[in-house]
Amino acid sequence: MEALNVLRIEKGFITHAEIHGRVTAFDIGMDRMVSKAKDCLGWASSWRPGLLEEDREQLVGLRPVARTGQLTAGAHLYGRDDAATRVNGQGYVTSAGWSPTLDGPLALGFLKRGRARHGEVVRLVDAMRSVETLCEVCDPVFLDPEGGRMRG
């Protein structure tokens, strides 16, 4: 199961960890899959103004800046120099694991305006495990974004 979890994180595939009751298709980058031309389950609610704001937390990938950096699921994300307080919270990590293919830790999480922040450095803080790591925000698909290996 752990191997499957690492594989899905490398490919940016989501599971229950990422799609809980507060997440929309827009948040995970799949809003194009919701038809604007015909009705479907959840269509009306998916276009409510509050659910389409750019300031919402959006799915991102995270990689530690330092090779020795730790990434932990459940950790909170803050601006690089912001204090780790509730009012400064920018998001959270949903899934994390070591990638033998990419030789390092990877994580998926939600970050405010996440898609617009690729390349930015944020701070991951897990107070329960005493972990603090600077992370680079990146695309949630770490491996083979075009799908060429999968279609071989």
C-alpha atoms as a PDB file:
ATOM      1  CA  MET A   1       0.000   0.000   0.000  1.00  0.00           C
ATOM      2  CA  GLU A   2       2.854   2.372   0.765  1.00  0.00           C
ATOM      3  CA  ALA A   3       4.331   1.782  -2.695  1.00  0.00           C
ATOM      4  CA  LEU A   4       0.971   2.597  -4.298  1.00  0.00           C
ATOM      5  CA  ASN A   5       0.738   5.756  -2.201  1.00  0.00           C
ATOM      6  CA  VAL A   6       4.193   6.897  -3.342  1.00  0.00           C
ATOM      7  CA  LEU A   7       3.331   6.170  -6.985  1.00  0.00           C
ATOM      8  CA  ARG A   8       0.132   8.202  -6.791  1.00  0.00           C
ATOM      9  CA  ILE A   9       1.917  11.136  -5.133  1.00  0.00           C
ATOM     10  CA  GLU A  10       4.575  11.104  -7.891  1.00  0.00           C
ATOM     11  CA  LYS A  11       1.814  11.264 -10.534  1.00  0.00           C
ATOM     12  CA  GLY A  12      -0.299  13.811  -8.621  1.00  0.00           C
ATOM     13  CA  PHE A  13      -3.238  11.395  -8.370  1.00  0.00           C
ATOM     14  CA  ILE A  14      -5.665  12.295  -5.621  1.00  0.00           C
ATOM     15  CA  THR A  15      -7.472  10.144  -3.060  1.00  0.00           C
ATOM     16  CA  HIS A  16      -9.647  10.726  -0.033  1.00  0.00           C
ATOM     17  CA  ALA A  17      -6.763  12.635   1.583  1.00  0.00           C
ATOM     18  CA  GLU A  18      -7.145  15.400  -1.003  1.00  0.00           C
ATOM     19  CA  ILE A  19     -10.854  15.288  -1.854  1.00  0.00           C
ATOM     20  CA  HIS A  20     -12.701  15.831   1.390  1.00  0.00           C
ATOM     21  CA  GLY A  21     -15.995  17.701   1.618  1.00  0.00           C
ATOM     22  CA  ARG A  22     -14.556  21.215   1.241  1.00  0.00           C
ATOM     23  CA  VAL A  23     -12.693  20.684  -2.042  1.00  0.00           C
ATOM     24  CA  THR A  24     -14.107  21.599  -5.442  1.00  0.00           C
ATOM     25  CA  ALA A  25     -13.078  20.645  -8.973  1.00  0.00           C
ATOM     26  CA  PHE A  26     -11.566  24.144  -9.254  1.00  0.00           C
ATOM     27  CA  ASP A  27      -9.359  23.528  -6.192  1.00  0.00           C
ATOM     28  CA  ILE A  28      -7.820  20.377  -7.663  1.00  0.00           C
ATOM     29  CA  GLY A  29      -7.413  21.816 -11.175  1.00  0.00           C
ATOM     30  CA  MET A  30     -10.213  19.773 -12.745  1.00  0.00           C
ATOM     31  CA  ASP A  31     -12.812  22.484 -13.292  1.00  0.00           C
ATOM     32  CA  ARG A  32     -12.568  21.924 -17.065  1.00  0.00           C
ATOM     33  CA  MET A  33     -14.188  18.525 -16.519  1.00  0.00           C
ATOM     34  CA  VAL A  34     -17.405  20.068 -15.172  1.00  0.00           C
ATOM     35  CA  SER A  35     -19.632  20.813 -18.146  1.00  0.00           C
ATOM     36  CA  LYS A  36     -20.847  24.384 -18.480  1.00  0.00           C
ATOM     37  CA  ALA A  37     -23.367  23.327 -21.125  1.00  0.00           C
ATOM     38  CA  LYS A  38     -25.419  20.735 -19.255  1.00  0.00           C
ATOM     39  CA  ASP A  39     -26.511  19.911 -15.765  1.00  0.00           C
ATOM     40  CA  CYS A  40     -24.792  17.317 -13.612  1.00  0.00           C
ATOM     41  CA  LEU A  41     -24.620  16.443  -9.928  1.00  0.00           C
ATOM     42  CA  GLY A  42     -23.136  19.385  -8.056  1.00  0.00           C
ATOM     43  CA  TRP A  43     -23.190  21.678 -11.103  1.00  0.00           C
ATOM     44  CA  ALA A  44     -25.134  24.523  -9.500  1.00  0.00           C
ATOM     45  CA  SER A  45     -23.069  24.570  -6.332  1.00  0.00           C
ATOM     46  CA  SER A  46     -19.754  24.283  -8.190  1.00  0.00           C
ATOM     47  CA  TRP A  47     -20.260  27.705  -9.804  1.00  0.00           C
ATOM     48  CA  ARG A  48     -21.062  29.624  -6.613  1.00  0.00           C
ATOM     49  CA  PRO A  49     -18.838  32.739  -6.420  1.00  0.00           C
ATOM     50  CA  GLY A  50     -17.199  31.783  -3.106  1.00  0.00           C
ATOM     51  CA  LEU A  51     -16.095  28.441  -4.536  1.00  0.00           C
ATOM     52  CA  LEU A  52     -14.296  29.984  -7.533  1.00  0.00           C
ATOM     53  CA  GLU A  53     -12.187  32.634  -5.797  1.00  0.00           C
ATOM     54  CA  GLU A  54      -8.500  32.618  -6.756  1.00  0.00           C
ATOM     55  CA  ASP A  55      -7.610  33.021  -3.066  1.00  0.00           C
ATOM     56  CA  ARG A  56      -8.912  29.510  -2.300  1.00  0.00           C
ATOM     57  CA  GLU A  57      -6.505  26.774  -1.359  1.00  0.00           C
ATOM     58  CA  GLN A  58      -5.476  24.886  -4.504  1.00  0.00           C
ATOM     59  CA  LEU A  59      -3.687  21.557  -4.965  1.00  0.00           C
ATOM     60  CA  VAL A  60       0.101  21.860  -5.248  1.00  0.00           C
ATOM     61  CA  GLY A  61       3.181  19.691  -5.077  1.00  0.00           C
ATOM     62  CA  LEU A  62       5.890  20.347  -2.505  1.00  0.00           C
ATOM     63  CA  ARG A  63       9.601  19.482  -2.507  1.00  0.00           C
ATOM     64  CA  PRO A  64      12.043  20.368   0.275  1.00  0.00           C
ATOM     65  CA  VAL A  65      14.606  23.040  -0.611  1.00  0.00           C
ATOM     66  CA  ALA A  66      17.296  21.170   1.352  1.00  0.00           C
ATOM     67  CA  ARG A  67      17.859  17.534   0.448  1.00  0.00           C
ATOM     68  CA  THR A  68      17.568  16.564   4.129  1.00  0.00           C
ATOM     69  CA  GLY A  69      14.239  18.360   4.628  1.00  0.00           C
ATOM     70  CA  GLN A  70      11.312  16.369   5.999  1.00  0.00           C
ATOM     71  CA  LEU A  71       7.749  16.539   4.675  1.00  0.00           C
ATOM     72  CA  THR A  72       4.906  15.283   6.855  1.00  0.00           C
ATOM     73  CA  ALA A  73       1.209  14.849   6.146  1.00  0.00           C
ATOM     74  CA  GLY A  74      -0.886  17.115   8.330  1.00  0.00           C
ATOM     75  CA  ALA A  75       1.742  19.858   8.531  1.00  0.00           C
ATOM     76  CA  HIS A  76       0.706  23.469   8.005  1.00  0.00           C
ATOM     77  CA  LEU A  77       2.104  25.854   5.388  1.00  0.00           C
ATOM     78  CA  TYR A  78       3.150  29.458   5.991  1.00  0.00           C
ATOM     79  CA  GLY A  79       4.924  32.213   4.125  1.00  0.00           C
ATOM     80  CA  ARG A  80       8.691  31.784   4.258  1.00  0.00           C
ATOM     81  CA  ASP A  81       9.191  34.415   6.981  1.00  0.00           C
ATOM     82  CA  ASP A  82       5.752  34.381   8.642  1.00  0.00           C
ATOM     83  CA  ALA A  83       5.194  33.274  12.221  1.00  0.00           C
ATOM     84  CA  ALA A  84       3.523  29.861  12.543  1.00  0.00           C
ATOM     85  CA  THR A  85       0.197  31.173  13.815  1.00  0.00           C
ATOM     86  CA  ARG A  86      -3.371  30.499  12.747  1.00  0.00           C
ATOM     87  CA  VAL A  87      -3.813  33.908  11.119  1.00  0.00           C
ATOM     88  CA  ASN A  88      -0.723  33.370   8.946  1.00  0.00           C
ATOM     89  CA  GLY A  89      -1.781  29.923   7.748  1.00  0.00           C
ATOM     90  CA  GLN A  90      -1.555  29.490   3.968  1.00  0.00           C
ATOM     91  CA  GLY A  91      -2.497  25.814   3.640  1.00  0.00           C
ATOM     92  CA  TYR A  92      -1.695  22.265   4.696  1.00  0.00           C
ATOM     93  CA  VAL A  93      -0.082  19.017   3.534  1.00  0.00           C
ATOM     94  CA  THR A  94      -2.405  16.122   2.692  1.00  0.00           C
ATOM     95  CA  SER A  95       0.023  13.378   1.633  1.00  0.00           C
ATOM     96  CA  ALA A  96       3.774  12.869   1.836  1.00  0.00           C
ATOM     97  CA  GLY A  97       6.269  10.141   1.058  1.00  0.00           C
ATOM     98  CA  TRP A  98       9.773   9.261  -0.097  1.00  0.00           C
ATOM     99  CA  SER A  99      10.159   8.823  -3.838  1.00  0.00           C
ATOM    100  CA  PRO A 100      12.851   6.315  -4.768  1.00  0.00           C
ATOM    101  CA  THR A 101      12.350   7.276  -8.427  1.00  0.00           C
ATOM    102  CA  LEU A 102      13.049  10.961  -7.792  1.00  0.00           C
ATOM    103  CA  ASP A 103      15.359  10.234  -4.829  1.00  0.00           C
ATOM    104  CA  GLY A 104      13.724  12.532  -2.308  1.00  0.00           C
ATOM    105  CA  PRO A 105      10.634  13.393  -0.319  1.00  0.00           C
ATOM    106  CA  LEU A 106       7.518  14.669  -2.108  1.00  0.00           C
ATOM    107  CA  ALA A 107       4.196  15.946  -0.838  1.00  0.00           C
ATOM    108  CA  LEU A 108       0.793  17.072  -2.036  1.00  0.00           C
ATOM    109  CA  GLY A 109      -1.095  19.801  -0.260  1.00  0.00           C
ATOM    110  CA  PHE A 110      -3.393  22.760  -0.547  1.00  0.00           C
ATOM    111  CA  LEU A 111      -2.039  26.310  -0.631  1.00  0.00           C
ATOM    112  CA  LYS A 112      -3.825  29.641  -1.043  1.00  0.00           C
ATOM    113  CA  ARG A 113      -3.510  30.699  -4.714  1.00  0.00           C
ATOM    114  CA  GLY A 114      -1.370  27.599  -5.148  1.00  0.00           C
ATOM    115  CA  ARG A 115      -1.285  27.379  -8.955  1.00  0.00           C
ATOM    116  CA  ALA A 116      -0.012  30.964  -9.175  1.00  0.00           C
ATOM    117  CA  ARG A 117       2.758  30.269  -6.646  1.00  0.00           C
ATOM    118  CA  HIS A 118       4.785  27.561  -8.425  1.00  0.00           C
ATOM    119  CA  GLY A 119       8.480  28.213  -7.771  1.00  0.00           C
ATOM    120  CA  GLU A 120       7.833  30.084  -4.519  1.00  0.00           C
ATOM    121  CA  VAL A 121       9.369  28.890  -1.251  1.00  0.00           C
ATOM    122  CA  VAL A 122       7.017  28.333   1.698  1.00  0.00           C
ATOM    123  CA  ARG A 123       7.606  27.016   5.205  1.00  0.00           C
ATOM    124  CA  LEU A 124       6.166  23.701   6.343  1.00  0.00           C
ATOM    125  CA  VAL A 125       5.610  23.456  10.106  1.00  0.00           C
ATOM    126  CA  ASP A 126       4.548  20.294  11.913  1.00  0.00           C
ATOM    127  CA  ALA A 127       4.515  21.264  15.594  1.00  0.00           C
ATOM    128  CA  MET A 128       3.414  17.765  16.699  1.00  0.00           C
ATOM    129  CA  ARG A 129       6.564  16.165  15.244  1.00  0.00           C
ATOM    130  CA  SER A 130       8.890  19.184  15.678  1.00  0.00           C
ATOM    131  CA  VAL A 131       9.458  19.438  11.912  1.00  0.00           C
ATOM    132  CA  GLU A 132      10.113  22.689  10.086  1.00  0.00           C
ATOM    133  CA  THR A 133      11.147  22.650   6.427  1.00  0.00           C
ATOM    134  CA  LEU A 134      11.430  25.170   3.608  1.00  0.00           C
ATOM    135  CA  CYS A 135       9.627  23.799   0.550  1.00  0.00           C
ATOM    136  CA  GLU A 136       9.399  24.743  -3.090  1.00  0.00           C
ATOM    137  CA  VAL A 137       5.857  24.930  -4.443  1.00  0.00           C
ATOM    138  CA  CYS A 138       5.537  23.024  -7.711  1.00  0.00           C
ATOM    139  CA  ASP A 139       3.086  21.281  -9.978  1.00  0.00           C
ATOM    140  CA  PRO A 140       1.384  18.343  -8.230  1.00  0.00           C
ATOM    141  CA  VAL A 141       2.475  15.998 -11.039  1.00  0.00           C
ATOM    142  CA  PHE A 142       6.128  15.262 -10.285  1.00  0.00           C
ATOM    143  CA  LEU A 143       6.721  12.419 -12.714  1.00  0.00           C
ATOM    144  CA  ASP A 144       5.846  12.087 -16.412  1.00  0.00           C
ATOM    145  CA  PRO A 145       3.337  14.970 -16.676  1.00  0.00           C
ATOM    146  CA  GLU A 146       2.640  14.179 -20.348  1.00  0.00           C
ATOM    147  CA  GLY A 147       1.745  10.550 -19.548  1.00  0.00           C
ATOM    148  CA  GLY A 148       4.160   9.113 -22.131  1.00  0.00           C
ATOM    149  CA  ARG A 149       5.509   6.395 -19.835  1.00  0.00           C
ATOM    150  CA  MET A 150       1.997   5.320 -18.913  1.00  0.00           C
ATOM    151  CA  ARG A 151       0.882   5.006 -22.541  1.00  0.00           C
ATOM    152  CA  GLY A 152       4.303   3.602 -23.485  1.00  0.00           C
END
